[in-house]
Amino acid sequence: MSKYIFHIATVEIPVSNLDRSVEFYVDVLGVEVEFKGEKNAMLSFQSKGVPTIFLVETEERNSLSFVNSNDRVEHSVIDFYTPSLKEFHESLQEKNVEVGPLNINQEQGLGGFGFKDPDGNLLSACNVLHQGQ
């Protein structure tokens, strides 16, 4: 462990319409609004050690995602944890959120899926916890 860095404090996400994005993240992820200004907002899961989400309104049209140069699969930059993966996937579909296929390893029961926010930022959900989480 680093003697200087202990965890990720905040994840910053670019958005084109702050009000629409705050509504989306509160509704979809269940976060609470800690602060909302004219062009940015801080959202919190209200859980110790879990990063806050800082939405920043911008005119730039770059979405969060990247393509793996090995297999050409598009990846998200942020994975959210849920123990209820299938139920969360169904909930997003009911809310008309753009979601990818639910991928679960049948032997281990572990998996995930991608979904997009209103700006096309690719996010992911998984049911995998790593040591120390």
N, C-alpha and C. Protein backbone atom coordinates (compact mmCIF):
# COMPACT_ATOMS: atom_id res chain seq x y z
N MET A 1 0.84 -1.18 0.00
CA MET A 1 0.00 0.00 0.00
C MET A 1 0.88 1.24 0.00
N SER A 2 0.47 2.22 -0.74
CA SER A 2 1.18 3.48 -0.78
C SER A 2 1.05 4.20 0.55
N LYS A 3 2.08 4.91 0.94
CA LYS A 3 1.96 5.69 2.17
C LYS A 3 1.29 7.03 1.91
N TYR A 4 0.98 7.31 0.64
CA TYR A 4 0.35 8.58 0.29
C TYR A 4 -1.09 8.44 -0.23
N ILE A 5 -1.37 7.42 -1.01
CA ILE A 5 -2.70 7.25 -1.61
C ILE A 5 -3.39 6.04 -0.98
N PHE A 6 -4.63 6.24 -0.50
CA PHE A 6 -5.33 5.18 0.19
C PHE A 6 -6.53 4.63 -0.56
N HIS A 7 -7.12 5.41 -1.44
CA HIS A 7 -8.22 4.96 -2.28
C HIS A 7 -8.55 6.04 -3.30
N ILE A 8 -9.44 5.73 -4.22
CA ILE A 8 -9.91 6.72 -5.18
C ILE A 8 -10.95 7.59 -4.47
N ALA A 9 -10.76 8.90 -4.53
CA ALA A 9 -11.66 9.82 -3.84
C ALA A 9 -12.87 10.19 -4.69
N THR A 10 -12.62 10.53 -5.95
CA THR A 10 -13.68 11.03 -6.82
C THR A 10 -13.45 10.57 -8.25
N VAL A 11 -14.53 10.23 -8.93
CA VAL A 11 -14.49 9.92 -10.35
C VAL A 11 -15.21 11.08 -11.05
N GLU A 12 -14.55 11.70 -12.02
CA GLU A 12 -15.14 12.84 -12.72
C GLU A 12 -15.68 12.39 -14.07
N ILE A 13 -16.91 12.80 -14.37
CA ILE A 13 -17.59 12.36 -15.60
C ILE A 13 -18.05 13.59 -16.38
N PRO A 14 -17.69 13.67 -17.66
CA PRO A 14 -18.15 14.79 -18.48
C PRO A 14 -19.59 14.59 -18.92
N VAL A 15 -20.38 15.66 -18.85
CA VAL A 15 -21.79 15.60 -19.27
C VAL A 15 -22.15 16.85 -20.07
N SER A 16 -23.13 16.74 -20.92
CA SER A 16 -23.53 17.89 -21.73
C SER A 16 -24.69 18.67 -21.12
N ASN A 17 -25.47 18.03 -20.26
CA ASN A 17 -26.62 18.67 -19.62
C ASN A 17 -26.63 18.22 -18.16
N LEU A 18 -26.23 19.12 -17.27
CA LEU A 18 -26.05 18.77 -15.86
C LEU A 18 -27.35 18.28 -15.22
N ASP A 19 -28.43 19.01 -15.41
CA ASP A 19 -29.70 18.62 -14.77
C ASP A 19 -30.14 17.22 -15.20
N ARG A 20 -30.09 16.94 -16.50
CA ARG A 20 -30.48 15.63 -17.02
C ARG A 20 -29.59 14.53 -16.43
N SER A 21 -28.29 14.80 -16.35
CA SER A 21 -27.35 13.80 -15.85
C SER A 21 -27.51 13.57 -14.35
N VAL A 22 -27.72 14.62 -13.59
CA VAL A 22 -27.95 14.45 -12.14
C VAL A 22 -29.18 13.57 -11.94
N GLU A 23 -30.23 13.84 -12.66
CA GLU A 23 -31.46 13.05 -12.55
C GLU A 23 -31.18 11.57 -12.89
N PHE A 24 -30.43 11.34 -13.96
CA PHE A 24 -30.10 9.97 -14.37
C PHE A 24 -29.31 9.24 -13.28
N TYR A 25 -28.24 9.84 -12.79
CA TYR A 25 -27.39 9.16 -11.81
C TYR A 25 -28.11 8.95 -10.47
N VAL A 26 -28.92 9.90 -10.06
CA VAL A 26 -29.69 9.72 -8.83
C VAL A 26 -30.69 8.58 -9.00
N ASP A 27 -31.39 8.57 -10.14
CA ASP A 27 -32.40 7.54 -10.39
C ASP A 27 -31.79 6.17 -10.60
N VAL A 28 -30.76 6.08 -11.42
CA VAL A 28 -30.20 4.79 -11.82
C VAL A 28 -29.27 4.20 -10.76
N LEU A 29 -28.43 5.04 -10.16
CA LEU A 29 -27.45 4.53 -9.20
C LEU A 29 -27.86 4.73 -7.74
N GLY A 30 -28.86 5.55 -7.50
CA GLY A 30 -29.31 5.77 -6.13
C GLY A 30 -28.38 6.65 -5.32
N VAL A 31 -27.56 7.46 -5.99
CA VAL A 31 -26.66 8.36 -5.28
C VAL A 31 -27.42 9.57 -4.76
N GLU A 32 -26.80 10.27 -3.81
CA GLU A 32 -27.39 11.50 -3.28
C GLU A 32 -26.58 12.69 -3.77
N VAL A 33 -27.25 13.81 -3.96
CA VAL A 33 -26.59 15.04 -4.40
C VAL A 33 -25.98 15.71 -3.17
N GLU A 34 -24.66 15.81 -3.16
CA GLU A 34 -23.94 16.50 -2.08
C GLU A 34 -23.87 17.99 -2.36
N PHE A 35 -23.70 18.31 -3.63
CA PHE A 35 -23.55 19.70 -4.06
C PHE A 35 -23.99 19.78 -5.52
N LYS A 36 -24.69 20.84 -5.87
CA LYS A 36 -25.03 21.08 -7.27
C LYS A 36 -24.86 22.55 -7.55
N GLY A 37 -23.95 22.85 -8.47
CA GLY A 37 -23.74 24.21 -8.91
C GLY A 37 -24.34 24.42 -10.28
N GLU A 38 -23.92 25.49 -10.93
CA GLU A 38 -24.45 25.81 -12.26
C GLU A 38 -23.90 24.86 -13.32
N LYS A 39 -22.65 24.42 -13.18
CA LYS A 39 -22.00 23.60 -14.21
C LYS A 39 -21.38 22.32 -13.68
N ASN A 40 -21.59 22.00 -12.39
CA ASN A 40 -21.04 20.75 -11.85
C ASN A 40 -21.84 20.31 -10.63
N ALA A 41 -21.70 19.04 -10.31
CA ALA A 41 -22.41 18.48 -9.16
C ALA A 41 -21.60 17.34 -8.57
N MET A 42 -21.62 17.23 -7.25
CA MET A 42 -20.96 16.14 -6.53
C MET A 42 -22.04 15.19 -6.04
N LEU A 43 -21.91 13.91 -6.41
CA LEU A 43 -22.87 12.88 -6.03
C LEU A 43 -22.17 11.87 -5.13
N SER A 44 -22.91 11.31 -4.18
CA SER A 44 -22.29 10.41 -3.20
C SER A 44 -23.14 9.17 -2.96
N PHE A 45 -22.45 8.04 -2.77
CA PHE A 45 -23.12 6.80 -2.39
C PHE A 45 -23.33 6.74 -0.88
N GLN A 46 -22.80 7.72 -0.14
CA GLN A 46 -22.93 7.76 1.31
C GLN A 46 -22.35 6.52 1.96
N SER A 47 -21.20 6.09 1.46
CA SER A 47 -20.56 4.89 1.97
C SER A 47 -19.06 5.14 2.10
N LYS A 48 -18.51 4.88 3.26
CA LYS A 48 -17.09 5.14 3.53
C LYS A 48 -16.19 4.36 2.57
N GLY A 49 -15.23 5.07 1.99
CA GLY A 49 -14.25 4.45 1.10
C GLY A 49 -14.71 4.33 -0.34
N VAL A 50 -15.97 4.69 -0.62
CA VAL A 50 -16.50 4.61 -1.98
C VAL A 50 -16.36 5.99 -2.62
N PRO A 51 -15.79 6.06 -3.83
CA PRO A 51 -15.59 7.37 -4.46
C PRO A 51 -16.89 8.12 -4.71
N THR A 52 -16.79 9.44 -4.67
CA THR A 52 -17.90 10.28 -5.08
C THR A 52 -17.85 10.41 -6.61
N ILE A 53 -18.94 10.88 -7.19
CA ILE A 53 -19.01 11.13 -8.62
C ILE A 53 -19.16 12.62 -8.82
N PHE A 54 -18.26 13.20 -9.59
CA PHE A 54 -18.29 14.63 -9.88
C PHE A 54 -18.67 14.82 -11.33
N LEU A 55 -19.90 15.27 -11.57
CA LEU A 55 -20.37 15.52 -12.92
C LEU A 55 -19.95 16.94 -13.33
N VAL A 56 -19.34 17.06 -14.49
CA VAL A 56 -18.87 18.35 -14.98
C VAL A 56 -19.47 18.61 -16.36
N GLU A 57 -20.26 19.69 -16.45
CA GLU A 57 -20.85 20.03 -17.74
C GLU A 57 -19.78 20.57 -18.67
N THR A 58 -19.76 20.08 -19.90
CA THR A 58 -18.77 20.48 -20.88
C THR A 58 -19.39 20.47 -22.27
N GLU A 59 -18.81 21.25 -23.16
CA GLU A 59 -19.25 21.25 -24.55
C GLU A 59 -18.49 20.21 -25.36
N GLU A 60 -17.42 19.64 -24.81
CA GLU A 60 -16.66 18.60 -25.51
C GLU A 60 -17.54 17.36 -25.65
N ARG A 61 -17.44 16.68 -26.74
CA ARG A 61 -18.28 15.52 -27.00
C ARG A 61 -17.51 14.21 -26.89
N ASN A 62 -16.55 14.14 -26.03
CA ASN A 62 -15.80 12.90 -25.82
C ASN A 62 -16.51 12.07 -24.76
N SER A 63 -16.82 10.82 -25.07
CA SER A 63 -17.46 9.92 -24.12
C SER A 63 -16.42 9.07 -23.43
N LEU A 64 -16.74 8.59 -22.24
CA LEU A 64 -15.84 7.71 -21.51
C LEU A 64 -15.99 6.28 -22.01
N SER A 65 -14.97 5.78 -22.68
CA SER A 65 -14.86 4.39 -23.09
C SER A 65 -13.59 4.26 -23.91
N PHE A 66 -13.17 3.03 -24.13
CA PHE A 66 -12.02 2.78 -25.00
C PHE A 66 -12.18 1.40 -25.61
N VAL A 67 -11.49 1.17 -26.73
CA VAL A 67 -11.57 -0.11 -27.43
C VAL A 67 -10.28 -0.88 -27.19
N ASN A 68 -10.41 -2.11 -26.73
CA ASN A 68 -9.27 -2.99 -26.51
C ASN A 68 -8.66 -3.32 -27.87
N SER A 69 -7.39 -2.99 -28.07
CA SER A 69 -6.77 -3.20 -29.38
C SER A 69 -6.53 -4.67 -29.68
N ASN A 70 -6.65 -5.54 -28.70
CA ASN A 70 -6.45 -6.97 -28.91
C ASN A 70 -7.70 -7.64 -29.48
N ASP A 71 -8.86 -7.41 -28.84
CA ASP A 71 -10.07 -8.10 -29.27
C ASP A 71 -11.18 -7.17 -29.77
N ARG A 72 -10.89 -5.85 -29.82
CA ARG A 72 -11.81 -4.83 -30.34
C ARG A 72 -13.07 -4.66 -29.48
N VAL A 73 -13.06 -5.13 -28.25
CA VAL A 73 -14.19 -4.97 -27.34
C VAL A 73 -14.13 -3.57 -26.73
N GLU A 74 -15.28 -2.89 -26.70
CA GLU A 74 -15.35 -1.58 -26.07
C GLU A 74 -15.47 -1.76 -24.56
N HIS A 75 -14.66 -1.02 -23.81
CA HIS A 75 -14.63 -1.12 -22.35
C HIS A 75 -15.07 0.19 -21.71
N SER A 76 -15.65 0.07 -20.54
CA SER A 76 -15.98 1.25 -19.74
C SER A 76 -14.75 1.63 -18.91
N VAL A 77 -14.78 2.82 -18.39
CA VAL A 77 -13.72 3.28 -17.51
C VAL A 77 -14.13 3.05 -16.05
N ILE A 78 -15.43 2.95 -15.80
CA ILE A 78 -15.95 2.81 -14.44
C ILE A 78 -16.83 1.57 -14.35
N ASP A 79 -16.57 0.71 -13.39
CA ASP A 79 -17.42 -0.45 -13.10
C ASP A 79 -18.06 -0.24 -11.74
N PHE A 80 -19.38 -0.34 -11.68
CA PHE A 80 -20.09 -0.23 -10.42
C PHE A 80 -20.40 -1.63 -9.91
N TYR A 81 -20.30 -1.82 -8.60
CA TYR A 81 -20.54 -3.13 -8.00
C TYR A 81 -22.00 -3.26 -7.58
N THR A 82 -22.58 -4.42 -7.87
CA THR A 82 -23.89 -4.78 -7.35
C THR A 82 -23.92 -6.28 -7.08
N PRO A 83 -24.46 -6.70 -5.95
CA PRO A 83 -24.64 -8.13 -5.72
C PRO A 83 -25.87 -8.66 -6.47
N SER A 84 -26.69 -7.75 -7.00
CA SER A 84 -27.94 -8.11 -7.68
C SER A 84 -27.83 -7.76 -9.16
N LEU A 85 -26.92 -8.40 -9.84
CA LEU A 85 -26.59 -8.06 -11.22
C LEU A 85 -27.79 -8.21 -12.16
N LYS A 86 -28.44 -9.35 -12.12
CA LYS A 86 -29.57 -9.60 -13.03
C LYS A 86 -30.70 -8.62 -12.77
N GLU A 87 -31.01 -8.37 -11.51
CA GLU A 87 -32.09 -7.46 -11.16
C GLU A 87 -31.77 -6.04 -11.59
N PHE A 88 -30.50 -5.61 -11.43
CA PHE A 88 -30.10 -4.27 -11.84
C PHE A 88 -30.21 -4.14 -13.36
N HIS A 89 -29.79 -5.17 -14.09
CA HIS A 89 -29.88 -5.18 -15.55
C HIS A 89 -31.35 -5.01 -15.97
N GLU A 90 -32.24 -5.76 -15.34
CA GLU A 90 -33.67 -5.68 -15.65
C GLU A 90 -34.22 -4.29 -15.31
N SER A 91 -33.78 -3.73 -14.19
CA SER A 91 -34.23 -2.40 -13.77
C SER A 91 -33.85 -1.34 -14.79
N LEU A 92 -32.63 -1.42 -15.31
CA LEU A 92 -32.17 -0.46 -16.31
C LEU A 92 -32.99 -0.59 -17.59
N GLN A 93 -33.28 -1.82 -17.99
CA GLN A 93 -34.10 -2.04 -19.19
C GLN A 93 -35.49 -1.43 -19.01
N GLU A 94 -36.06 -1.59 -17.82
CA GLU A 94 -37.38 -1.02 -17.53
C GLU A 94 -37.37 0.50 -17.60
N LYS A 95 -36.20 1.11 -17.30
CA LYS A 95 -36.06 2.57 -17.34
C LYS A 95 -35.62 3.06 -18.72
N ASN A 96 -35.58 2.14 -19.68
CA ASN A 96 -35.18 2.45 -21.06
C ASN A 96 -33.75 2.99 -21.16
N VAL A 97 -32.88 2.51 -20.29
CA VAL A 97 -31.46 2.83 -20.36
C VAL A 97 -30.84 1.88 -21.38
N GLU A 98 -29.93 2.40 -22.20
CA GLU A 98 -29.24 1.55 -23.18
C GLU A 98 -28.30 0.60 -22.44
N VAL A 99 -28.58 -0.69 -22.51
CA VAL A 99 -27.77 -1.69 -21.81
C VAL A 99 -27.26 -2.74 -22.80
N GLY A 100 -26.09 -3.28 -22.46
CA GLY A 100 -25.54 -4.37 -23.24
C GLY A 100 -26.01 -5.70 -22.68
N PRO A 101 -25.56 -6.79 -23.29
CA PRO A 101 -25.97 -8.11 -22.81
C PRO A 101 -25.41 -8.41 -21.43
N LEU A 102 -26.16 -9.19 -20.68
CA LEU A 102 -25.74 -9.64 -19.36
C LEU A 102 -24.83 -10.84 -19.55
N ASN A 103 -23.59 -10.72 -19.12
CA ASN A 103 -22.60 -11.79 -19.27
C ASN A 103 -22.27 -12.37 -17.91
N ILE A 104 -22.67 -13.61 -17.68
CA ILE A 104 -22.41 -14.27 -16.39
C ILE A 104 -21.74 -15.61 -16.64
N ASN A 105 -20.62 -15.85 -15.98
CA ASN A 105 -19.94 -17.13 -16.03
C ASN A 105 -20.79 -18.13 -15.25
N GLN A 106 -21.31 -19.13 -15.91
CA GLN A 106 -22.24 -20.07 -15.29
C GLN A 106 -21.61 -20.87 -14.15
N GLU A 107 -20.31 -21.14 -14.22
CA GLU A 107 -19.65 -21.92 -13.17
C GLU A 107 -19.47 -21.10 -11.89
N GLN A 108 -19.03 -19.85 -12.05
CA GLN A 108 -18.74 -19.02 -10.88
C GLN A 108 -19.88 -18.08 -10.52
N GLY A 109 -20.77 -17.82 -11.46
CA GLY A 109 -21.87 -16.89 -11.21
C GLY A 109 -21.43 -15.43 -11.24
N LEU A 110 -20.22 -15.16 -11.71
CA LEU A 110 -19.69 -13.81 -11.75
C LEU A 110 -19.82 -13.23 -13.14
N GLY A 111 -20.04 -11.93 -13.22
CA GLY A 111 -20.15 -11.32 -14.53
C GLY A 111 -20.44 -9.85 -14.47
N GLY A 112 -20.99 -9.35 -15.58
CA GLY A 112 -21.29 -7.93 -15.66
C GLY A 112 -21.94 -7.58 -16.97
N PHE A 113 -22.15 -6.28 -17.16
CA PHE A 113 -22.72 -5.76 -18.40
C PHE A 113 -22.43 -4.27 -18.48
N GLY A 114 -22.52 -3.73 -19.68
CA GLY A 114 -22.33 -2.31 -19.88
C GLY A 114 -23.65 -1.59 -20.04
N PHE A 115 -23.64 -0.31 -19.73
CA PHE A 115 -24.81 0.54 -19.96
C PHE A 115 -24.33 1.97 -20.18
N LYS A 116 -25.17 2.79 -20.79
CA LYS A 116 -24.75 4.15 -21.13
C LYS A 116 -25.59 5.19 -20.41
N ASP A 117 -24.90 6.28 -20.04
CA ASP A 117 -25.62 7.42 -19.47
C ASP A 117 -26.17 8.27 -20.61
N PRO A 118 -26.90 9.34 -20.33
CA PRO A 118 -27.51 10.13 -21.41
C PRO A 118 -26.52 10.72 -22.42
N ASP A 119 -25.24 10.85 -22.05
CA ASP A 119 -24.24 11.38 -22.96
C ASP A 119 -23.47 10.31 -23.71
N GLY A 120 -23.84 9.05 -23.51
CA GLY A 120 -23.14 7.97 -24.18
C GLY A 120 -21.90 7.50 -23.47
N ASN A 121 -21.66 8.00 -22.24
CA ASN A 121 -20.55 7.49 -21.45
C ASN A 121 -20.83 6.04 -21.12
N LEU A 122 -19.91 5.16 -21.48
CA LEU A 122 -20.10 3.74 -21.21
C LEU A 122 -19.71 3.44 -19.77
N LEU A 123 -20.65 2.90 -19.03
CA LEU A 123 -20.45 2.50 -17.65
C LEU A 123 -20.67 0.99 -17.58
N SER A 124 -20.24 0.37 -16.51
CA SER A 124 -20.46 -1.06 -16.36
C SER A 124 -20.92 -1.38 -14.95
N ALA A 125 -21.57 -2.52 -14.84
CA ALA A 125 -21.95 -3.06 -13.53
C ALA A 125 -21.40 -4.48 -13.47
N CYS A 126 -20.92 -4.86 -12.30
CA CYS A 126 -20.41 -6.23 -12.11
C CYS A 126 -20.77 -6.70 -10.71
N ASN A 127 -20.68 -8.01 -10.52
CA ASN A 127 -20.93 -8.58 -9.20
C ASN A 127 -19.63 -9.19 -8.65
N VAL A 128 -18.51 -8.63 -9.04
CA VAL A 128 -17.20 -9.13 -8.63
C VAL A 128 -16.61 -8.22 -7.58
N LEU A 129 -16.23 -8.77 -6.45
CA LEU A 129 -15.49 -8.03 -5.43
C LEU A 129 -14.08 -8.60 -5.38
N HIS A 130 -13.12 -7.70 -5.29
CA HIS A 130 -11.72 -8.12 -5.20
C HIS A 130 -11.25 -8.03 -3.75
N GLN A 131 -10.17 -8.71 -3.45
CA GLN A 131 -9.65 -8.73 -2.08
C GLN A 131 -9.46 -7.32 -1.57
N GLY A 132 -9.93 -7.05 -0.37
CA GLY A 132 -9.80 -5.74 0.25
C GLY A 132 -10.95 -4.80 -0.04
N GLN A 133 -11.86 -5.21 -0.90
CA GLN A 133 -13.01 -4.34 -1.17
C GLN A 133 -14.11 -4.68 -0.20
